[in-house]
Protein backbone atom coordinates (compact mmCIF):
# COMPACT_ATOMS: atom_id res chain seq x y z
CA UNK A 1 -0.15 0.18 0.24
CA UNK A 2 2.96 2.51 1.10
CA UNK A 3 6.19 2.65 0.49
CA UNK A 4 7.42 4.82 3.96
CA UNK A 5 5.83 5.53 6.77
CA UNK A 6 4.14 8.57 7.14
CA UNK A 7 5.97 11.56 7.81
CA UNK A 8 4.66 14.87 6.63
CA UNK A 9 7.43 17.10 8.77
CA UNK A 10 9.84 15.51 6.31
CA UNK A 11 8.33 15.84 3.35
CA UNK A 12 6.21 18.72 3.39
CA UNK A 13 5.63 20.50 6.03
CA UNK A 14 8.41 22.30 8.74
CA UNK A 15 7.15 21.64 11.74
CA UNK A 16 8.46 24.59 13.76
CA UNK A 17 6.27 27.22 11.27
CA UNK A 18 3.32 24.00 11.48
CA UNK A 19 3.43 24.46 15.39
CA UNK A 20 3.38 28.45 14.98
CA UNK A 21 0.42 28.37 12.57
CA UNK A 22 -1.26 26.09 14.71
CA UNK A 23 -0.44 28.82 17.51
CA UNK A 24 -1.70 31.63 15.84
CA UNK A 25 -4.69 29.72 15.37
CA UNK A 26 -5.62 28.90 18.96
CA UNK A 27 -4.22 31.85 20.17
CA UNK A 28 -7.95 32.66 22.69
CA UNK A 29 -8.65 29.57 22.27
CA UNK A 30 -9.11 27.33 24.90
CA UNK A 31 -8.24 23.96 22.26
CA UNK A 32 -7.06 22.54 19.15
CA UNK A 33 -5.36 20.54 17.32
CA UNK A 34 -3.27 19.69 13.70
CA UNK A 35 -4.34 16.62 12.62
CA UNK A 36 -2.71 14.91 9.66
CA UNK A 37 -3.29 11.62 7.77
CA UNK A 38 -2.59 9.11 5.06
CA UNK A 39 -4.60 6.53 3.87
CA UNK A 40 -4.83 4.04 1.28
CA UNK A 41 -7.75 0.93 1.24
CA UNK A 42 -8.16 -1.86 -1.24
CA UNK A 43 -11.57 -4.20 -1.70
CA UNK A 44 -12.76 -6.82 -4.14
CA UNK A 45 -15.98 -8.34 -4.36
CA UNK A 46 -16.33 -12.05 -6.27
CA UNK A 47 -20.07 -12.51 -6.91
CA UNK A 48 -21.83 -15.19 -8.96
CA UNK A 49 -19.09 -16.58 -10.26
CA UNK A 50 -17.40 -13.69 -11.60
CA UNK A 51 -14.97 -10.44 -10.10
CA UNK A 52 -17.77 -7.81 -9.82
CA UNK A 53 -16.03 -5.13 -7.79
CA UNK A 54 -12.71 -3.60 -7.36
CA UNK A 55 -11.48 -0.65 -5.99
CA UNK A 56 -8.68 1.26 -4.57
CA UNK A 57 -8.68 4.36 -2.74
CA UNK A 58 -5.71 7.07 -1.58
CA UNK A 59 -5.51 9.88 0.08
CA UNK A 60 -3.92 11.99 2.62
CA UNK A 61 -4.84 15.66 3.60
CA UNK A 62 -5.01 17.15 7.37
CA UNK A 63 -7.55 19.18 9.27
CA UNK A 64 -6.81 21.80 11.73
CA UNK A 65 -9.09 22.59 15.11
CA UNK A 66 -9.37 25.74 16.93
CA UNK A 67 -12.05 24.83 20.04
CA UNK A 68 -13.58 27.85 22.39
CA UNK A 69 -16.64 26.49 24.83
CA UNK A 70 -19.18 24.46 22.38
CA UNK A 71 -17.78 26.76 19.34
CA UNK A 72 -15.87 25.00 17.00
CA UNK A 73 -13.29 26.48 14.20
CA UNK A 74 -12.17 23.98 11.68
CA UNK A 75 -10.35 23.38 8.22
CA UNK A 76 -9.26 20.13 6.15
CA UNK A 77 -7.46 20.27 2.95
CA UNK A 78 -6.17 17.84 0.76
CA UNK A 79 -3.21 20.32 -0.05
CA UNK A 80 -0.31 19.42 3.00
CA UNK A 81 1.79 22.78 2.34
CA UNK A 82 2.20 25.24 4.20
CA UNK A 83 0.05 27.62 2.14
CA UNK A 84 -2.76 25.56 2.87
CA UNK A 85 -2.65 25.47 6.78
CA UNK A 86 -1.90 29.05 7.14
CA UNK A 87 -5.48 29.79 5.15
CA UNK A 88 -7.06 26.97 7.00
CA UNK A 89 -5.82 28.63 10.35
CA UNK A 90 -7.30 32.06 9.19
CA UNK A 91 -10.76 29.88 8.49
CA UNK A 92 -10.81 28.06 11.94
CA UNK A 93 -9.66 31.84 13.77
CA UNK A 94 -13.30 33.30 12.32
CA UNK A 95 -15.12 30.54 14.02
CA UNK A 96 -13.74 31.17 17.18
CA UNK A 97 -12.12 34.46 16.70
CA UNK A 98 -9.73 36.55 19.45
CA UNK A 99 -9.68 36.89 22.96
CA UNK A 100 -7.74 36.03 26.42
CA UNK A 101 -8.66 32.05 26.29
CA UNK A 102 -6.59 29.67 28.55
CA UNK A 103 -5.49 26.73 26.72
CA UNK A 104 -6.65 23.78 27.78
CA UNK A 105 -4.18 21.43 29.92
CA UNK A 106 -1.68 18.64 27.40
CA UNK A 107 -3.30 15.77 26.44
CA UNK A 108 -2.16 12.08 27.54
CA UNK A 109 -0.17 11.46 24.56
CA UNK A 110 0.70 8.69 25.13
CA UNK A 111 0.18 5.97 22.90
CA UNK A 112 -0.42 2.19 23.26
CA UNK A 113 0.66 -1.33 21.20
CA UNK A 114 -2.69 -3.05 20.70
CA UNK A 115 -2.46 -4.35 17.14
CA UNK A 116 0.92 -4.48 15.07
CA UNK A 117 2.19 -1.19 12.72
CA UNK A 118 1.92 -3.35 9.85
CA UNK A 119 0.53 -2.38 6.05
CA UNK A 120 -2.08 -5.80 6.41
CA UNK A 121 -2.17 -6.53 2.85
CA UNK A 122 1.64 -6.28 2.26
CA UNK A 123 3.26 -9.24 0.00
CA UNK A 124 -0.65 -10.51 -0.64
CA UNK A 125 -1.05 -9.97 -4.67
CA UNK A 126 -4.44 -8.58 -6.09
CA UNK A 127 -3.97 -12.14 -8.40
CA UNK A 128 -3.78 -14.44 -4.77
CA UNK A 129 -6.99 -12.32 -3.45
CA UNK A 130 -8.72 -13.00 -6.72
CA UNK A 131 -7.71 -16.72 -6.68
CA UNK A 132 -9.19 -16.91 -3.00
CA UNK A 133 -12.58 -15.21 -3.65
CA UNK A 134 -12.64 -17.98 -6.28
CA UNK A 135 -12.18 -20.43 -3.63
CA UNK A 136 -14.61 -19.42 -1.63
CA UNK A 137 -17.31 -19.61 -4.37
CA UNK A 138 -16.50 -22.90 -5.30
CA UNK A 139 -16.31 -24.40 -1.61
CA UNK A 140 -19.79 -22.65 -1.18
CA UNK A 141 -21.19 -24.29 -4.09
CA UNK A 142 -19.70 -27.75 -3.36
CA UNK A 143 -21.93 -28.24 -0.07
CA UNK A 144 -25.00 -28.11 -0.80
CA UNK A 145 -27.06 -27.97 -4.33
CA UNK A 146 -29.35 -25.73 -3.05
CA UNK A 147 -26.80 -22.52 -3.26
CA UNK A 148 -27.84 -20.11 -6.11
CA UNK A 149 -25.44 -17.66 -5.51
CA UNK A 150 -22.33 -16.32 -3.41
CA UNK A 151 -20.81 -13.42 -2.49
CA UNK A 152 -17.74 -13.24 -1.04
CA UNK A 153 -15.30 -9.83 -0.70
CA UNK A 154 -11.80 -8.95 1.19
CA UNK A 155 -10.95 -5.98 2.02
CA UNK A 156 -7.83 -3.94 3.28
CA UNK A 157 -7.44 -0.18 4.39
CA UNK A 158 -4.27 1.13 6.38
CA UNK A 159 -4.45 4.69 8.17
CA UNK A 160 -2.20 6.69 9.01
CA UNK A 161 -2.08 9.88 11.23
CA UNK A 162 0.36 12.44 12.45
CA UNK A 163 -1.38 14.76 16.14
CA UNK A 164 0.35 17.74 16.51
CA UNK A 165 -1.20 19.74 19.62
CA UNK A 166 -0.09 23.40 20.26
CA UNK A 167 2.12 22.99 23.42
CA UNK A 168 4.14 21.05 21.02
CA UNK A 169 3.31 17.32 21.71
CA UNK A 170 3.47 15.26 18.84
CA UNK A 171 2.39 11.28 18.43
CA UNK A 172 1.68 9.30 15.64
CA UNK A 173 -0.52 6.27 14.96
CA UNK A 174 -0.49 3.27 11.87
CA UNK A 175 -3.94 1.61 12.04
CA UNK A 176 -4.35 -1.57 9.72
CA UNK A 177 -8.12 -2.92 8.99
CA UNK A 178 -9.30 -5.95 7.33
CA UNK A 179 -12.33 -7.37 6.64
CA UNK A 180 -13.48 -10.83 4.98
CA UNK A 181 -17.55 -11.88 4.52
CA UNK A 182 -18.83 -14.10 2.33
CA UNK A 183 -23.23 -14.14 1.54
CA UNK A 184 -25.26 -16.86 0.25
CA UNK A 185 -28.57 -17.19 -1.23
CA UNK A 186 -30.52 -21.16 -0.97
CA UNK A 187 -33.38 -21.82 -3.19
CA UNK A 188 -35.82 -24.67 -2.46
CA UNK A 189 -39.25 -25.02 -4.78
CA UNK A 190 -39.41 -21.46 -5.65
CA UNK A 191 -38.39 -20.16 -2.49
CA UNK A 192 -35.24 -18.38 -1.65
CA UNK A 193 -33.14 -17.32 1.62
CA UNK A 194 -29.77 -16.20 2.35
CA UNK A 195 -27.09 -15.88 5.44
CA UNK A 196 -23.94 -14.17 5.87
CA UNK A 197 -21.05 -14.00 7.65
CA UNK A 198 -17.26 -13.06 8.53
CA UNK A 199 -15.45 -10.88 10.58
CA UNK A 200 -11.75 -8.91 10.99
CA UNK A 201 -9.93 -6.64 12.58
CA UNK A 202 -6.93 -4.61 13.34
CA UNK A 203 -4.88 -7.41 11.64
CA UNK A 204 -2.88 -8.71 8.61
CA UNK A 205 -5.13 -10.54 5.83
CA UNK A 206 -2.72 -13.67 6.44
CA UNK A 207 -4.90 -14.79 9.11
CA UNK A 208 -8.00 -14.12 7.43
CA UNK A 209 -7.03 -15.70 3.96
CA UNK A 210 -5.83 -19.24 6.23
CA UNK A 211 -8.51 -22.19 4.80
CA UNK A 212 -9.80 -22.65 8.70
CA UNK A 213 -11.21 -19.30 8.82
CA UNK A 214 -12.60 -18.29 5.59
CA UNK A 215 -14.31 -21.93 5.45
CA UNK A 216 -16.13 -21.41 9.16
CA UNK A 217 -17.52 -18.13 6.95
CA UNK A 218 -18.62 -20.02 4.55
CA UNK A 219 -20.04 -23.27 6.78
CA UNK A 220 -21.85 -20.63 8.70
CA UNK A 221 -22.93 -18.14 5.69
CA UNK A 222 -24.70 -21.48 4.59
CA UNK A 223 -26.04 -22.85 7.92
CA UNK A 224 -28.10 -19.36 8.28
CA UNK A 225 -29.32 -19.75 5.08
CA UNK A 226 -30.52 -23.16 5.47
CA UNK A 227 -31.94 -22.30 9.17
CA UNK A 228 -33.79 -19.66 7.04
CA UNK A 229 -35.06 -21.75 4.61
CA UNK A 230 -37.44 -23.81 6.42
CA UNK A 231 -38.61 -20.42 8.53
CA UNK A 232 -41.84 -19.97 9.45
CA UNK A 233 -43.63 -16.37 10.20
CA UNK A 234 -42.91 -14.97 13.21
CA UNK A 235 -45.20 -14.05 15.79
CA UNK A 236 -46.15 -10.75 17.21
CA UNK A 237 -46.76 -9.08 20.65
CA UNK A 238 -45.09 -8.73 23.93
CA UNK A 239 -43.01 -11.19 25.44
CA UNK A 240 -40.06 -11.92 26.71
CA UNK A 241 -36.49 -12.57 24.25
CA UNK A 242 -33.81 -14.48 25.11
CA UNK A 243 -30.65 -12.48 23.13
CA UNK A 244 -27.93 -14.83 22.02
CA UNK A 245 -23.98 -14.02 22.80
CA UNK A 246 -21.74 -11.59 20.64
CA UNK A 247 -23.49 -9.53 17.75
CA UNK A 248 -26.53 -9.47 19.39
CA UNK A 249 -24.73 -6.56 21.39
CA UNK A 250 -25.60 -4.30 18.74
CA UNK A 251 -28.66 -3.38 20.39
CA UNK A 252 -26.92 -2.51 23.28
CA UNK A 253 -24.88 -0.24 20.83
CA UNK A 254 -27.51 1.29 19.15
CA UNK A 255 -30.13 1.83 21.57
CA UNK A 256 -27.79 2.53 24.80
CA UNK A 257 -24.64 3.46 24.10
CA UNK A 258 -25.09 6.32 21.86
CA UNK A 259 -27.23 7.52 24.79
CA UNK A 260 -23.72 7.42 27.08
CA UNK A 261 -21.85 9.49 24.61
CA UNK A 262 -21.04 12.68 26.27
CA UNK A 263 -22.29 15.70 23.91
CA UNK A 264 -25.26 13.97 23.29
CA UNK A 265 -25.74 14.27 27.98
CA UNK A 266 -24.13 17.80 27.64
CA UNK A 267 -27.29 18.81 25.38
CA UNK A 268 -29.97 16.99 27.72
CA UNK A 269 -30.76 15.42 24.44
CA UNK A 270 -29.99 11.80 25.66
CA UNK A 271 -32.55 9.55 27.79
CA UNK A 272 -29.82 8.81 30.37
CA UNK A 273 -29.04 12.61 30.71
CA UNK A 274 -29.15 13.90 34.37
CA UNK A 275 -28.84 10.66 35.64
CA UNK A 276 -25.15 10.24 36.98
CA UNK A 277 -25.05 8.01 40.13
CA UNK A 278 -28.74 6.94 39.74
CA UNK A 279 -30.22 3.20 38.79
CA UNK A 280 -31.04 2.76 35.09
CA UNK A 281 -30.54 -0.95 34.59
CA UNK A 282 -30.99 -4.41 36.65
CA UNK A 283 -28.71 -4.95 39.20
CA UNK A 284 -26.16 -6.81 37.64
CA UNK A 285 -26.17 -5.08 33.93
CA UNK A 286 -22.37 -3.39 34.11
CA UNK A 287 -21.71 -1.76 30.54
CA UNK A 288 -18.52 -1.30 29.43
CA UNK A 289 -16.43 0.81 26.24
CA UNK A 290 -13.04 -0.53 26.51
CA UNK A 291 -10.96 0.92 23.42
CA UNK A 292 -8.06 -1.29 24.53
CA UNK A 293 -9.23 -4.83 23.63
CA UNK A 294 -6.12 -5.92 21.53
CA UNK A 295 -6.71 -6.50 17.43
CA UNK A 296 -10.51 -5.53 17.77
CA UNK A 297 -12.02 -3.48 14.99
CA UNK A 298 -12.91 -0.98 17.48
CA UNK A 299 -9.82 -0.44 19.33
CA UNK A 300 -7.80 2.72 19.09
CA UNK A 301 -3.87 3.23 20.23
CA UNK A 302 -5.00 6.67 20.61
CA UNK A 303 -8.27 8.54 20.00
CA UNK A 304 -8.53 11.13 16.90
CA UNK A 305 -6.99 14.05 20.02
CA UNK A 306 -4.24 12.35 20.86
CA UNK A 307 -5.73 10.74 23.97
CA UNK A 308 -4.71 6.83 25.13
CA UNK A 309 -7.57 4.77 25.25
CA UNK A 310 -8.75 2.95 28.48
CA UNK A 311 -11.53 0.93 29.75
CA UNK A 312 -14.41 3.09 30.57
CA UNK A 313 -17.35 1.71 32.51
CA UNK A 314 -20.42 3.42 32.16
CA UNK A 315 -22.96 1.62 33.75
CA UNK A 316 -21.66 -0.40 37.11
CA UNK A 317 -24.58 -2.97 38.61
CA UNK A 318 -27.31 -0.97 37.46
CA UNK A 319 -25.92 2.36 38.58
CA UNK A 320 -24.84 5.12 35.87
CA UNK A 321 -21.02 5.88 36.63
CA UNK A 322 -20.39 7.80 33.79
CA UNK A 323 -20.36 8.53 29.95
CA UNK A 324 -17.86 9.03 26.39
CA UNK A 325 -16.21 11.67 26.74
CA UNK A 326 -13.63 13.72 23.91
CA UNK A 327 -11.90 16.56 25.32
CA UNK A 328 -14.26 19.42 23.91
CA UNK A 329 -17.43 17.48 25.82
CA UNK A 330 -15.05 16.14 29.08
CA UNK A 331 -14.07 19.95 29.19
CA UNK A 332 -17.61 21.69 29.31
CA UNK A 333 -18.88 18.67 31.62
CA UNK A 334 -15.55 19.40 34.46
CA UNK A 335 -14.94 15.60 33.80
CA UNK A 336 -11.53 13.84 32.52
CA UNK A 337 -11.65 12.94 29.15
CA UNK A 338 -11.95 8.76 28.12
CA UNK A 339 -9.92 8.02 24.94
CA UNK A 340 -13.26 8.43 22.78
CA UNK A 341 -12.90 11.58 20.37
CA UNK A 342 -13.23 10.14 17.32
CA UNK A 343 -13.99 11.31 13.48
CA UNK A 344 -14.01 9.24 10.43
CA UNK A 345 -11.08 11.16 8.54
CA UNK A 346 -8.68 14.27 8.47
CA UNK A 347 -11.72 16.34 6.62
CA UNK A 348 -14.12 15.53 9.99
CA UNK A 349 -14.18 16.99 13.23
CA UNK A 350 -13.92 14.67 16.32
CA UNK A 351 -16.43 14.03 18.61
CA UNK A 352 -17.83 11.36 21.50
CA UNK A 353 -17.98 8.11 19.44
CA UNK A 354 -17.51 4.24 20.97
CA UNK A 355 -15.19 2.24 20.63
CA UNK A 356 -15.74 -1.67 21.56
CA UNK A 357 -18.87 -1.45 23.78
CA UNK A 358 -20.28 -4.75 26.05
CA UNK A 359 -22.10 -6.06 28.65
CA UNK A 360 -19.90 -8.20 30.96
CA UNK A 361 -21.06 -11.49 31.41
CA UNK A 362 -22.63 -12.96 34.57
CA UNK A 363 -23.22 -15.81 36.07
CA UNK A 364 -26.06 -18.05 34.85
CA UNK A 365 -25.70 -20.70 32.42
CA UNK A 366 -27.39 -19.96 28.96
CA UNK A 367 -29.10 -22.87 28.90
CA UNK A 368 -30.58 -22.94 31.93
CA UNK A 369 -31.84 -19.21 30.61
CA UNK A 370 -33.36 -20.51 27.54
CA UNK A 371 -34.86 -23.43 29.33
CA UNK A 372 -36.47 -20.79 32.10
CA UNK A 373 -38.33 -18.99 28.80
CA UNK A 374 -41.60 -20.10 28.73
CA UNK A 375 -43.21 -18.38 25.78
CA UNK A 376 -41.00 -15.98 23.46
CA UNK A 377 -38.01 -15.68 20.91
CA UNK A 378 -34.73 -16.45 21.16
CA UNK A 379 -32.56 -13.79 18.71
CA UNK A 380 -29.43 -14.90 17.30
CA UNK A 381 -28.77 -12.66 15.09
CA UNK A 382 -29.62 -9.03 13.91
CA UNK A 383 -29.44 -6.87 10.28
CA UNK A 384 -30.62 -3.25 10.43
CA UNK A 385 -31.79 -1.24 13.07
CA UNK A 386 -33.28 2.22 13.74
CA UNK A 387 -32.84 3.36 17.08
CA UNK A 388 -34.06 7.64 18.52
CA UNK A 389 -31.03 8.62 20.48
CA UNK A 390 -33.56 11.20 22.43
CA UNK A 391 -35.35 8.25 23.81
CA UNK A 392 -33.68 5.37 23.16
CA UNK A 393 -36.57 3.70 21.00
CA UNK A 394 -35.18 0.78 18.72
CA UNK A 395 -36.48 -1.38 16.23
CA UNK A 396 -34.27 -3.98 15.15
CA UNK A 397 -34.84 -7.00 12.23
CA UNK A 398 -33.59 -10.29 12.89
CA UNK A 399 -31.61 -12.27 11.24
CA UNK A 400 -31.35 -15.44 12.62
CA UNK A 401 -34.26 -15.67 15.13
CA UNK A 402 -36.60 -19.57 16.94
CA UNK A 403 -39.11 -19.54 18.54
CA UNK A 404 -39.04 -20.83 22.28
CA UNK A 405 -42.31 -22.52 24.01
CA UNK A 406 -41.68 -23.86 27.88
CA UNK A 407 -38.05 -24.25 27.23
CA UNK A 408 -37.65 -25.61 24.06
CA UNK A 409 -36.27 -24.31 20.60
CA UNK A 410 -38.58 -24.58 18.25
CA UNK A 411 -39.15 -23.29 14.55
CA UNK A 412 -36.75 -20.50 13.01
CA UNK A 413 -38.49 -17.49 12.38
CA UNK A 414 -38.82 -15.14 9.39
CA UNK A 415 -39.51 -11.20 9.81
CA UNK A 416 -39.21 -11.16 13.50
CA UNK A 417 -38.40 -7.45 14.91
CA UNK A 418 -37.94 -6.51 17.89
CA UNK A 419 -38.89 -2.58 19.49
CA UNK A 420 -38.85 -0.92 22.56
CA UNK A 421 -36.65 1.26 24.58
CA UNK A 422 -32.94 1.20 25.99
CA UNK A 423 -33.39 2.14 29.00
CA UNK A 424 -36.96 0.38 29.77
CA UNK A 425 -34.85 -2.98 28.33
CA UNK A 426 -31.90 -2.59 30.69
CA UNK A 427 -34.17 -2.49 33.78
CA UNK A 428 -35.84 -5.35 32.72
CA UNK A 429 -32.76 -7.94 31.89
CA UNK A 430 -33.65 -10.76 34.23
CA UNK A 431 -31.05 -13.04 33.37
CA UNK A 432 -27.14 -12.60 32.46
CA UNK A 433 -25.29 -15.42 31.15
CA UNK A 434 -21.38 -16.37 31.46
CA UNK A 435 -20.69 -16.94 28.24
CA UNK A 436 -19.89 -13.27 27.01
CA UNK A 437 -18.10 -12.62 23.23
CA UNK A 438 -17.09 -10.48 20.99
CA UNK A 439 -18.72 -9.74 17.73
CA UNK A 440 -16.22 -11.34 15.05
CA UNK A 441 -15.12 -8.05 13.67
CA UNK A 442 -18.30 -6.33 11.51
CA UNK A 443 -19.32 -3.15 13.20
CA UNK A 444 -19.55 -0.44 11.52
CA UNK A 445 -21.15 3.45 13.38
CA UNK A 446 -22.70 6.30 11.97
CA UNK A 447 -23.17 9.25 13.63
CA UNK A 448 -23.72 13.31 12.22
CA UNK A 449 -22.64 11.75 8.72
CA UNK A 450 -19.73 10.20 10.17
CA UNK A 451 -18.41 6.50 10.27
CA UNK A 452 -16.12 5.28 12.36
CA UNK A 453 -15.03 0.85 13.07
CA UNK A 454 -16.63 -0.16 16.34
CA UNK A 455 -17.16 -3.79 18.33
CA UNK A 456 -19.76 -5.02 20.13
CA UNK A 457 -20.53 -7.98 22.45
CA UNK A 458 -22.73 -9.40 25.53
CA UNK A 459 -23.32 -12.78 27.23
CA UNK A 460 -26.51 -14.67 26.52
CA UNK A 461 -29.10 -12.26 27.84
CA UNK A 462 -33.48 -12.66 29.25
CA UNK A 463 -35.24 -9.29 28.24
CA UNK A 464 -38.58 -9.77 29.48
CA UNK A 465 -41.66 -7.62 27.76
CA UNK A 466 -40.04 -6.52 24.30
CA UNK A 467 -42.31 -6.25 21.73
CA UNK A 468 -41.88 -8.66 19.15
CA UNK A 469 -43.28 -7.50 15.73
CA UNK A 470 -44.32 -10.85 13.28
CA UNK A 471 -46.99 -11.46 10.78
CA UNK A 472 -47.90 -14.89 12.59
CA UNK A 473 -51.64 -15.00 13.49
């Protein structure tokens, strides 16, 4: 992807002059930084027996920010030059104005090493990746004659960032990311159903391309498709729901996690605003955002303001104990930043964002949790969903779910949706399994038009009284 480590102060800018321009931009402001980035990504998609899509994207640029109170002045450019930097500084100052503010304390810029500083696709040719995708297609079709379509994709990306702060602190990070996904469609008696699997993280493509890994993804995608092929219409009504471990934590991420981001709470736009120290969940429920888990999709060596990540406990044994913070919201709320200041790229301002958000396990046996479910749904996989941050109300569609009666897991159901609100769902957690798992590395999170990679996770959970949307009479 790249031929040398990104060093804009050796190649494009004089560091001392850049620092002087940055200091002029934030004079009278309270905070700010110069964020420089170089990125490269490649993606291949093999669909219906042929290569359907191939892309390679590369870019670089900078973003310069000045912050005063709730006001942010921000300018960015793809031209990393002193002239562009001076224009950006003038633009940023127009927003914050002149004044006599005191610059915030320096960020604790101590990057950790949670993933290797590698080119994730180094030494793996495009031809080798295409050959793998063709092998995945052949393997999937060989498993079952009902397979009528296979889609496989492999992607890698490398983001290199340099952050310069007004006090002179400088930090660098090299962020690899890879992903391999498989989707299959099966057909029987004019009925078609699909299944998908995959994942990745801040690792090399080499591991994802091992036969043991990609065959497991194909096997899982086919299993889900065949489960859906025999599914029946989902019931409708208010009932108890058991959520499986791992990826179902996306419901926790969306319905609860966003409501625990600092900016929403500072602006009183969250259902959790003003509730610090109060019970917001059932006893035993703990929610953590942890950017320090090695190699995970949501993990970061530093956030996009230069703050190291942390294991931040947000809800502890049902009590709300903290929010996720970037520097600006932390300062305005009188607390410390938590290492959650993230941005999509140099063209975006940082804001409080999740990293890997999960619920730690409890002590219940997952099999016993299911055995105690008298009449409800066992939801194992989720697709799309919608959430209103202001009240936590959510609607999620299930991609794999089963009807359960008297503790017996019965037919798979199709068309099931889960409807509720995060705050109420947390209060109605009745059992927490001992099988906490993280997702396989497939999460992307959107907020205010920005997308960043994230992780989710949870153990098996029993939640009482969720509304299930379905079409069965």
